[in-house]
């Protein structure tokens, strides 16, 4: 069923409110950013006809089988620790969130919003439309104060960067992504209100709100991990971040600095090389190419340097195999990829889990699109544990102080939504 609506933004909010009462739903929002690969403005998948929950080991094989049984729309997430299945790696850092490594579901109700038209795929589309329209948009409740702490003290983070640079000097790795967790215990939030506020403060092209029982993913990601359009694979790694200016002149100056910043260009090109290498595992020979190098894109909170790498999918390689061949994404690992992942497991203080994984969808024509889970709040409502990570690229030329500041810049929108600044007494790590 396809219907025209007059206020898509209001309909999105109502649909989210309606979906929020379900135990399982996925909301994806491109926030008005369109490129040639965009399929819709927003997708809302609600309630599971069938689902798959899997841990690293056989997760991709099980998903492959699940996909063969369910060839229509499907949404879900891949956790970062599936690295332990794609490579000979392990995860031993503490995990306070307890999300599965992989979760996908076949939605009972699917709403697609494109401009001022909506498409509802369900047994009773008219009833779904009426249920959504009946919703009354309620104001956000005030957020009660939350004590956010950091797993790294500033000094411990700076020391760790210096240790990693020793590995780079020795030639163990060229570049890596060091991530740190910010967390709150006994935290009470209204996940819907927090997501709506986050999406307002930091509207990004790969925003997502995912609910799986008592577990919530509130995501303001600007980055595409991997998409498939017919026989074409598209990856758009982000490496290079700069703050927004106070004025248009300052903003342009900051963009120009980013465009010519040797360290940012160096880390971007290293990751582009790594992504090219990942895509060759799924590509027809000679088809991997860089469509755009060092593109500067502006978002509400930051400027980002984004490159686009594409290839043609080799015959006989399935959509899920193509994802597995490139996972986890190079922008969140480093190069060489396996050495960087192994080292970060040693130097980070908490399990990444869904952070630096991917959320997205498969379509009935077997296209897919997955983001990179960054700028994301993770919340286990049952044990009231709230967490978000930020990371930055460490290269030979990295300045530890500046990398720490970049982590805080990336945390800014989430902290603002929670009405917080960081606690001055981080944990003992």
Protein backbone atom coordinates (compact mmCIF):
# COMPACT_ATOMS: atom_id res chain seq x y z
CA UNK A 1 0.00 0.00 0.00
CA UNK A 2 1.36 3.43 -1.03
CA UNK A 3 -0.02 6.64 0.52
CA UNK A 4 0.84 10.34 0.14
CA UNK A 5 1.39 12.30 3.34
CA UNK A 6 1.70 16.04 3.97
CA UNK A 7 4.23 16.04 6.83
CA UNK A 8 6.85 13.27 6.51
CA UNK A 9 8.77 14.45 9.59
CA UNK A 10 5.71 14.25 11.83
CA UNK A 11 4.80 10.86 10.35
CA UNK A 12 8.33 9.56 11.10
CA UNK A 13 8.05 10.63 14.74
CA UNK A 14 4.58 9.09 15.08
CA UNK A 15 5.75 5.86 13.43
CA UNK A 16 8.69 5.70 15.85
CA UNK A 17 6.39 6.22 18.83
CA UNK A 18 4.13 3.48 17.50
CA UNK A 19 7.09 1.13 16.90
CA UNK A 20 8.58 1.80 20.35
CA UNK A 21 5.86 -0.24 22.06
CA UNK A 22 7.05 -3.36 20.21
CA UNK A 23 9.76 -5.62 21.70
CA UNK A 24 11.75 -5.56 18.43
CA UNK A 25 12.12 -2.84 15.85
CA UNK A 26 14.66 -1.15 13.59
CA UNK A 27 14.49 2.45 12.40
CA UNK A 28 16.90 3.76 9.76
CA UNK A 29 16.93 7.44 8.78
CA UNK A 30 19.04 9.14 6.08
CA UNK A 31 18.09 12.58 7.47
CA UNK A 32 17.74 14.16 4.03
CA UNK A 33 21.26 13.21 2.88
CA UNK A 34 20.91 11.63 -0.53
CA UNK A 35 23.44 10.06 -2.83
CA UNK A 36 23.08 7.84 -5.87
CA UNK A 37 22.86 4.79 -3.61
CA UNK A 38 20.05 5.98 -1.30
CA UNK A 39 16.92 3.77 -1.52
CA UNK A 40 14.63 5.60 0.94
CA UNK A 41 14.50 8.49 3.41
CA UNK A 42 13.52 6.25 6.31
CA UNK A 43 12.73 2.61 7.03
CA UNK A 44 10.79 1.32 10.02
CA UNK A 45 10.74 -2.47 10.54
CA UNK A 46 8.58 -3.67 13.42
CA UNK A 47 7.98 -7.00 15.17
CA UNK A 48 9.69 -10.25 14.17
CA UNK A 49 8.03 -12.95 12.07
CA UNK A 50 11.31 -14.82 12.43
CA UNK A 51 14.73 -13.99 13.86
CA UNK A 52 18.29 -15.23 14.15
CA UNK A 53 20.54 -14.70 17.16
CA UNK A 54 24.13 -15.90 16.72
CA UNK A 55 27.54 -15.64 18.34
CA UNK A 56 30.94 -15.57 16.59
CA UNK A 57 31.94 -19.00 15.30
CA UNK A 58 29.17 -19.98 12.87
CA UNK A 59 27.23 -16.68 12.69
CA UNK A 60 27.80 -15.90 8.99
CA UNK A 61 27.00 -19.46 7.89
CA UNK A 62 23.83 -19.44 9.96
CA UNK A 63 22.82 -16.06 8.53
CA UNK A 64 23.45 -17.40 5.00
CA UNK A 65 20.98 -20.23 5.69
CA UNK A 66 18.48 -17.87 7.34
CA UNK A 67 18.66 -15.59 4.29
CA UNK A 68 17.96 -18.51 1.94
CA UNK A 69 14.77 -19.16 3.94
CA UNK A 70 13.78 -15.46 4.03
CA UNK A 71 14.39 -13.66 0.76
CA UNK A 72 12.38 -10.49 1.47
CA UNK A 73 13.16 -7.49 3.67
CA UNK A 74 15.38 -8.18 6.65
CA UNK A 75 17.10 -5.87 9.14
CA UNK A 76 19.67 -6.44 11.85
CA UNK A 77 23.19 -5.87 13.11
CA UNK A 78 26.68 -7.37 13.03
CA UNK A 79 28.80 -6.92 16.20
CA UNK A 80 32.51 -6.08 15.93
CA UNK A 81 33.51 -9.29 17.73
CA UNK A 82 32.52 -11.34 14.67
CA UNK A 83 36.19 -10.60 13.87
CA UNK A 84 36.83 -13.75 15.91
CA UNK A 85 35.00 -15.73 13.23
CA UNK A 86 36.51 -14.01 10.19
CA UNK A 87 40.07 -14.22 11.58
CA UNK A 88 41.99 -16.15 14.23
CA UNK A 89 41.30 -13.61 16.98
CA UNK A 90 39.64 -13.51 20.39
CA UNK A 91 37.91 -11.01 22.73
CA UNK A 92 38.58 -11.03 26.45
CA UNK A 93 37.77 -7.47 27.52
CA UNK A 94 34.78 -6.99 29.86
CA UNK A 95 31.30 -6.69 28.33
CA UNK A 96 28.62 -4.98 30.42
CA UNK A 97 26.00 -4.71 27.65
CA UNK A 98 25.45 -8.35 26.60
CA UNK A 99 24.23 -7.82 23.04
CA UNK A 100 24.54 -10.84 20.72
CA UNK A 101 27.29 -10.81 18.05
CA UNK A 102 24.67 -11.05 15.30
CA UNK A 103 20.94 -10.40 15.26
CA UNK A 104 18.55 -10.21 12.27
CA UNK A 105 14.78 -10.31 11.98
CA UNK A 106 12.13 -10.57 9.30
CA UNK A 107 9.67 -7.74 10.03
CA UNK A 108 5.93 -8.26 10.39
CA UNK A 109 5.37 -4.60 9.50
CA UNK A 110 7.60 -2.52 7.22
CA UNK A 111 7.18 1.18 6.48
CA UNK A 112 9.31 2.91 3.83
CA UNK A 113 9.27 6.71 3.57
CA UNK A 114 10.37 8.37 0.33
CA UNK A 115 9.73 12.10 0.16
CA UNK A 116 6.03 12.61 0.86
CA UNK A 117 4.99 9.04 0.05
CA UNK A 118 4.96 6.05 2.33
CA UNK A 119 4.84 2.40 1.47
CA UNK A 120 3.49 -0.05 4.04
CA UNK A 121 4.27 -3.75 3.63
CA UNK A 122 2.10 -5.78 6.03
CA UNK A 123 -0.89 -8.12 6.09
CA UNK A 124 -3.05 -5.18 7.19
CA UNK A 125 -1.40 -1.99 5.85
CA UNK A 126 -4.45 0.24 6.36
CA UNK A 127 -4.62 -0.74 10.03
CA UNK A 128 -0.89 0.02 10.44
CA UNK A 129 -1.37 3.46 8.85
CA UNK A 130 -4.30 4.25 11.13
CA UNK A 131 -2.40 3.09 14.23
CA UNK A 132 0.50 5.39 13.34
CA UNK A 133 -1.74 8.36 12.52
CA UNK A 134 -3.52 8.01 15.88
CA UNK A 135 -0.26 8.67 17.74
CA UNK A 136 -0.02 12.00 19.55
CA UNK A 137 3.51 13.41 19.44
CA UNK A 138 4.55 13.93 23.04
CA UNK A 139 7.29 16.35 24.18
CA UNK A 140 10.62 14.90 25.31
CA UNK A 141 10.82 14.23 29.03
CA UNK A 142 13.68 16.02 30.81
CA UNK A 143 16.75 13.83 31.21
CA UNK A 144 17.75 13.29 34.83
CA UNK A 145 21.50 13.72 35.47
CA UNK A 146 23.71 10.75 34.62
CA UNK A 147 27.23 10.28 35.93
CA UNK A 148 29.33 9.44 32.86
CA UNK A 149 32.79 8.04 33.48
CA UNK A 150 35.66 7.09 31.19
CA UNK A 151 37.42 3.72 31.12
CA UNK A 152 40.68 5.54 30.33
CA UNK A 153 42.02 8.43 32.36
CA UNK A 154 43.45 11.11 30.11
CA UNK A 155 47.00 10.24 31.20
CA UNK A 156 46.45 6.50 30.61
CA UNK A 157 45.10 7.24 27.13
CA UNK A 158 48.14 9.40 26.29
CA UNK A 159 50.52 6.67 27.55
CA UNK A 160 48.68 4.05 25.48
CA UNK A 161 49.00 6.16 22.30
CA UNK A 162 52.76 6.39 22.90
CA UNK A 163 52.97 2.59 23.34
CA UNK A 164 51.04 2.07 20.10
CA UNK A 165 53.41 4.45 18.31
CA UNK A 166 56.30 2.20 19.45
CA UNK A 167 54.57 -0.68 17.63
CA UNK A 168 54.29 1.55 14.54
CA UNK A 169 58.00 2.41 14.82
CA UNK A 170 58.81 -1.31 14.97
CA UNK A 171 56.73 -1.93 11.85
CA UNK A 172 54.09 -4.09 13.60
CA UNK A 173 51.32 -1.87 12.16
CA UNK A 174 51.00 1.37 10.13
CA UNK A 175 47.74 2.73 11.52
CA UNK A 176 45.15 1.63 14.04
CA UNK A 177 41.93 2.80 15.64
CA UNK A 178 42.19 3.06 19.43
CA UNK A 179 38.75 3.16 21.04
CA UNK A 180 37.71 4.09 24.54
CA UNK A 181 34.46 3.54 26.40
CA UNK A 182 32.44 6.11 28.32
CA UNK A 183 29.82 4.57 30.57
CA UNK A 184 27.23 5.07 33.29
CA UNK A 185 25.91 2.55 35.77
CA UNK A 186 22.40 2.65 37.25
CA UNK A 187 21.39 4.94 34.37
CA UNK A 188 17.73 5.60 33.63
CA UNK A 189 16.91 7.07 30.21
CA UNK A 190 13.91 7.24 27.90
CA UNK A 191 15.52 5.67 24.80
CA UNK A 192 13.02 7.16 22.33
CA UNK A 193 13.39 10.69 23.73
CA UNK A 194 17.19 10.37 23.74
CA UNK A 195 17.26 9.12 20.14
CA UNK A 196 14.94 11.88 18.88
CA UNK A 197 17.11 14.48 20.60
CA UNK A 198 20.34 12.92 19.28
CA UNK A 199 18.95 12.80 15.75
CA UNK A 200 18.00 16.48 16.07
CA UNK A 201 21.38 17.60 17.41
CA UNK A 202 23.41 15.35 15.10
CA UNK A 203 21.32 14.37 12.03
CA UNK A 204 23.49 12.02 9.99
CA UNK A 205 22.89 9.88 6.87
CA UNK A 206 23.12 6.51 8.63
CA UNK A 207 21.14 7.18 11.79
CA UNK A 208 19.57 4.12 13.39
CA UNK A 209 17.41 3.27 16.38
CA UNK A 210 17.36 -0.45 17.12
CA UNK A 211 15.46 -2.15 19.93
CA UNK A 212 15.96 -5.79 20.79
CA UNK A 213 13.97 -6.57 23.95
CA UNK A 214 15.68 -4.53 26.73
CA UNK A 215 18.65 -3.57 24.56
CA UNK A 216 18.81 -0.32 22.63
CA UNK A 217 21.14 1.06 19.96
CA UNK A 218 20.80 4.84 19.46
CA UNK A 219 23.01 5.69 16.50
CA UNK A 220 23.98 8.93 14.76
CA UNK A 221 26.44 7.43 12.27
CA UNK A 222 27.73 9.41 9.29
CA UNK A 223 29.49 6.39 7.73
CA UNK A 224 28.54 3.67 5.24
CA UNK A 225 30.38 0.39 5.73
CA UNK A 226 29.20 -1.52 2.68
CA UNK A 227 26.28 -1.40 0.26
CA UNK A 228 25.29 -3.60 -2.66
CA UNK A 229 23.38 -2.17 -5.61
CA UNK A 230 22.71 -4.87 -8.23
CA UNK A 231 26.21 -6.21 -8.96
CA UNK A 232 28.09 -3.23 -7.49
CA UNK A 233 29.63 -3.06 -4.01
CA UNK A 234 30.21 0.35 -2.44
CA UNK A 235 32.30 1.16 0.64
CA UNK A 236 32.77 4.72 1.97
CA UNK A 237 35.38 4.81 4.74
CA UNK A 238 35.70 7.94 6.86
CA UNK A 239 39.12 8.97 8.08
CA UNK A 240 39.68 12.61 8.97
CA UNK A 241 37.58 14.68 11.37
CA UNK A 242 37.48 18.40 12.13
CA UNK A 243 35.19 20.56 14.24
CA UNK A 244 32.62 22.97 12.77
CA UNK A 245 33.50 26.68 12.85
CA UNK A 246 31.67 29.46 14.68
CA UNK A 247 31.24 31.44 11.44
CA UNK A 248 31.06 30.63 7.73
CA UNK A 249 34.57 32.03 7.18
CA UNK A 250 36.05 30.00 10.05
CA UNK A 251 34.13 26.91 8.86
CA UNK A 252 35.60 27.19 5.34
CA UNK A 253 39.07 27.71 6.83
CA UNK A 254 38.72 24.53 8.95
CA UNK A 255 37.56 22.55 5.88
CA UNK A 256 40.59 23.79 3.94
CA UNK A 257 42.90 22.75 6.79
CA UNK A 258 41.34 19.27 6.83
CA UNK A 259 41.67 19.00 3.03
CA UNK A 260 45.43 19.67 3.30
CA UNK A 261 46.23 17.99 6.62
CA UNK A 262 49.11 15.54 6.00
CA UNK A 263 48.22 13.17 8.85
CA UNK A 264 44.50 13.01 7.95
CA UNK A 265 45.31 12.44 4.24
CA UNK A 266 47.83 9.76 5.18
CA UNK A 267 45.39 7.82 7.39
CA UNK A 268 42.59 8.16 4.80
CA UNK A 269 44.73 6.75 1.99
CA UNK A 270 45.96 3.88 4.20
CA UNK A 271 42.36 2.87 4.93
CA UNK A 272 41.35 3.26 1.27
CA UNK A 273 44.15 0.82 0.38
CA UNK A 274 42.90 -1.59 3.04
CA UNK A 275 39.28 -1.33 1.81
CA UNK A 276 40.43 -1.88 -1.78
CA UNK A 277 42.22 -5.00 -0.57
CA UNK A 278 39.10 -6.20 1.33
CA UNK A 279 36.91 -5.68 -1.75
CA UNK A 280 39.25 -7.66 -4.03
CA UNK A 281 38.14 -10.77 -2.10
CA UNK A 282 34.63 -10.33 -3.54
CA UNK A 283 35.36 -8.48 -6.80
CA UNK A 284 35.55 -9.40 -10.45
CA UNK A 285 39.19 -9.09 -11.44
CA UNK A 286 40.26 -5.54 -12.22
CA UNK A 287 37.00 -3.86 -11.14
CA UNK A 288 38.07 -2.37 -7.77
CA UNK A 289 38.41 1.39 -8.10
CA UNK A 290 38.35 4.53 -5.98
CA UNK A 291 35.39 6.64 -7.14
CA UNK A 292 36.26 9.54 -4.84
CA UNK A 293 39.34 10.22 -2.72
CA UNK A 294 39.42 12.73 0.16
CA UNK A 295 35.89 14.10 -0.28
CA UNK A 296 35.08 16.68 2.44
CA UNK A 297 31.52 16.41 3.78
CA UNK A 298 29.95 18.65 6.41
CA UNK A 299 27.61 17.46 9.13
CA UNK A 300 25.99 19.42 11.94
CA UNK A 301 28.70 18.52 14.48
CA UNK A 302 31.83 17.90 12.38
CA UNK A 303 33.48 17.92 8.94
CA UNK A 304 34.58 14.48 7.69
CA UNK A 305 36.94 13.24 5.00
CA UNK A 306 35.20 10.44 3.08
CA UNK A 307 36.45 8.29 0.22
CA UNK A 308 34.38 5.94 -1.97
CA UNK A 309 35.68 2.56 -3.14
CA UNK A 310 33.62 0.36 -5.48
CA UNK A 311 33.83 -2.93 -7.35
CA UNK A 312 31.74 -5.39 -9.34
CA UNK A 313 30.68 -8.46 -7.38
CA UNK A 314 32.21 -11.71 -8.61
CA UNK A 315 29.72 -14.34 -9.82
CA UNK A 316 28.98 -16.95 -7.18
CA UNK A 317 29.79 -14.73 -4.18
CA UNK A 318 26.68 -14.19 -2.07
CA UNK A 319 25.70 -10.89 -0.45
CA UNK A 320 26.53 -12.28 2.99
CA UNK A 321 29.89 -13.64 1.80
CA UNK A 322 30.74 -10.16 0.47
CA UNK A 323 29.98 -8.64 3.88
CA UNK A 324 32.03 -11.31 5.67
CA UNK A 325 34.97 -10.71 3.29
CA UNK A 326 35.12 -7.02 4.30
CA UNK A 327 34.20 -7.28 7.97
CA UNK A 328 35.06 -5.58 10.29
CA UNK A 329 35.38 -2.33 8.34
CA UNK A 330 38.89 -0.99 7.77
CA UNK A 331 38.13 2.47 9.17
CA UNK A 332 37.59 0.92 12.62
CA UNK A 333 40.47 -1.55 12.55
CA UNK A 334 43.72 -0.36 10.98
CA UNK A 335 46.45 -1.80 8.81
CA UNK A 336 47.61 -4.49 8.58
CA UNK A 337 44.11 -5.38 9.68
CA UNK A 338 44.67 -8.54 11.74
CA UNK A 339 47.71 -7.17 13.61
CA UNK A 340 45.84 -3.93 14.38
CA UNK A 341 42.78 -5.81 15.72
CA UNK A 342 44.97 -8.06 17.86
CA UNK A 343 46.84 -5.09 19.33
CA UNK A 344 43.69 -3.11 20.08
CA UNK A 345 42.27 -6.08 21.97
CA UNK A 346 45.37 -5.80 24.14
CA UNK A 347 45.23 -2.02 24.69
CA UNK A 348 41.50 -1.29 24.92
CA UNK A 349 39.68 -1.71 28.25
CA UNK A 350 36.24 -2.96 27.15
CA UNK A 351 34.65 -5.18 24.53
CA UNK A 352 33.45 -3.17 21.53
CA UNK A 353 30.38 -5.34 20.89
CA UNK A 354 27.90 -3.59 18.59
CA UNK A 355 30.15 -0.50 18.50
CA UNK A 356 32.23 -0.60 15.29
CA UNK A 357 29.90 -3.25 13.99
CA UNK A 358 27.19 -2.49 11.41
CA UNK A 359 23.40 -1.98 11.26
CA UNK A 360 21.38 -2.20 8.06
CA UNK A 361 19.04 -4.13 5.82
CA UNK A 362 18.65 -6.62 2.99
CA UNK A 363 16.01 -6.00 0.29
CA UNK A 364 13.87 -8.49 -1.70
CA UNK A 365 16.17 -7.95 -4.74
CA UNK A 366 19.12 -8.90 -2.48
CA UNK A 367 20.66 -5.44 -2.28
CA UNK A 368 21.89 -4.34 1.13
CA UNK A 369 23.21 -1.29 2.95
CA UNK A 370 25.07 -1.27 6.28
CA UNK A 371 26.43 1.60 8.33
CA UNK A 372 29.40 1.75 10.68
CA UNK A 373 28.19 1.84 14.28
CA UNK A 374 29.90 5.00 15.57
CA UNK A 375 28.57 8.09 17.44
CA UNK A 376 26.27 5.59 19.12
CA UNK A 377 24.75 5.14 22.56
CA UNK A 378 24.19 1.54 23.70
CA UNK A 379 21.83 0.85 26.57
CA UNK A 380 20.89 -2.27 28.48
CA UNK A 381 17.66 -1.21 30.18
CA UNK A 382 17.50 -4.32 32.37
CA UNK A 383 20.82 -3.74 34.12
CA UNK A 384 20.68 0.06 33.56
CA UNK A 385 24.10 0.11 31.93
CA UNK A 386 24.69 2.86 29.37
CA UNK A 387 27.76 3.01 27.16
CA UNK A 388 29.31 4.75 24.19
CA UNK A 389 32.74 4.45 22.61
CA UNK A 390 34.78 6.89 20.58
CA UNK A 391 37.94 6.16 18.66
CA UNK A 392 40.61 7.90 16.64
CA UNK A 393 43.29 6.81 14.21
CA UNK A 394 46.80 6.45 15.55
CA UNK A 395 49.58 6.81 12.99
CA UNK A 396 53.33 7.49 13.23
CA UNK A 397 52.57 11.25 13.16
CA UNK A 398 49.70 11.12 15.69
CA UNK A 399 49.73 13.71 18.48
CA UNK A 400 48.33 11.91 21.56
CA UNK A 401 46.76 15.10 23.02
CA UNK A 402 45.01 15.88 19.72
CA UNK A 403 43.74 12.30 19.40
CA UNK A 404 42.25 12.53 22.89
CA UNK A 405 40.56 15.82 21.96
CA UNK A 406 39.17 14.17 18.79
CA UNK A 407 37.60 11.45 20.94
CA UNK A 408 35.89 14.11 23.04
CA UNK A 409 34.73 15.97 19.92
CA UNK A 410 33.10 12.77 18.66
CA UNK A 411 31.40 12.32 22.06
CA UNK A 412 30.07 15.90 22.09
CA UNK A 413 26.59 15.30 20.62
CA UNK A 414 25.90 12.30 22.88
CA UNK A 415 27.06 14.18 25.98
CA UNK A 416 24.89 17.14 24.99
CA UNK A 417 21.83 14.88 24.60
CA UNK A 418 22.46 13.46 28.07
CA UNK A 419 22.98 16.97 29.45
CA UNK A 420 26.41 15.91 30.67
CA UNK A 421 30.03 16.72 30.80
CA UNK A 422 32.46 13.94 31.65
CA UNK A 423 32.94 13.00 35.27
CA UNK A 424 36.31 14.19 36.54
CA UNK A 425 36.88 10.89 38.34
CA UNK A 426 37.32 8.21 35.69
CA UNK A 427 37.67 4.57 36.66
CA UNK A 428 40.98 3.21 37.81
CA UNK A 429 42.21 1.89 34.44
